[in-house]
Amino acid sequence: MVHAGNFNYRNASDLPSIVPLFPLAGALLLPGGQLPLNVFEPRYLQMVDDAMAGGRIIGMIQPALDGRRRSDGEPEFCKVGCLGRITSLNESGDGRYIISLHGVVRFRVLEELSDRAPYRSCRAAAFLGDLDLGQGAGEVDRDSLLGTFKQYLEANQLEADWESVTRASNETLVNALCMMSPYGAAEKQALLEAPDLKTRAETLVAITEIALARDGGDDGSSHTLQ
């Protein structure tokens, strides 16, 4: 079960089969995560209005990584995204919405739909296994993940609230670190599409290891990862 705002998502019947799509390159939403968004384009303002009038669900998705475009000039989308429930909405006073999305489940685009709305939507197949948030959490190599994260912080002269980090569950830790990671669209999509928490953590460690090795090579130094 995923608890988001005032709603519990327990099974397929709690999830929409048709979802509006909010494309944003480099953005990553994962089940259980929180993503703030600044919405200002008129078509997406309408999307938020329509979502608030219904089940409050929108689908976060990235434009295709290879830059492909449709015949109408609009970008093609990746095939996997994440459903998010709007759990807070504030009006800025200058025509924008400041919203917060709570990640529910990932989804696969089955087909895009043609309708009169100014925004795009699709028929979606939810990754129902994501409704079991703790699945596979016990298989995460927590020591490796924390060791790599610590070295990344040290290499970039950053700090973290280690008390909160050490208290976090494996599921919260993995998804939070993935969402806050400073990597590009391709890396974020790889993290999103990882089949389970264990693989997602291993993917994050591998990406970070590459970044540390690359940055270390800039000044002739090197980083040893745990």
Foldseek 3Di string as FASTA:
>chain_A
DADDAPDADDFPVLDDQKAFEDEDWPAFAAAQDKDKDKAADPLVVVSQVVLVVDVQKHWYWYFDPVQDADPVRHTHTDFKTWIWGWNDWDDPVPRIIITMTHTHFMWGFPAWDDDDRPTTMGRIDTPRVVSVLCPPQVVAPVVLLVQLVVVLCVVVVHDDDVVVLVPDGSSCNLRVCLRPDPDGRVLSVVLRPQPDSNSSSVSVSVVSQVVQQVVCVVVPGHDDGD
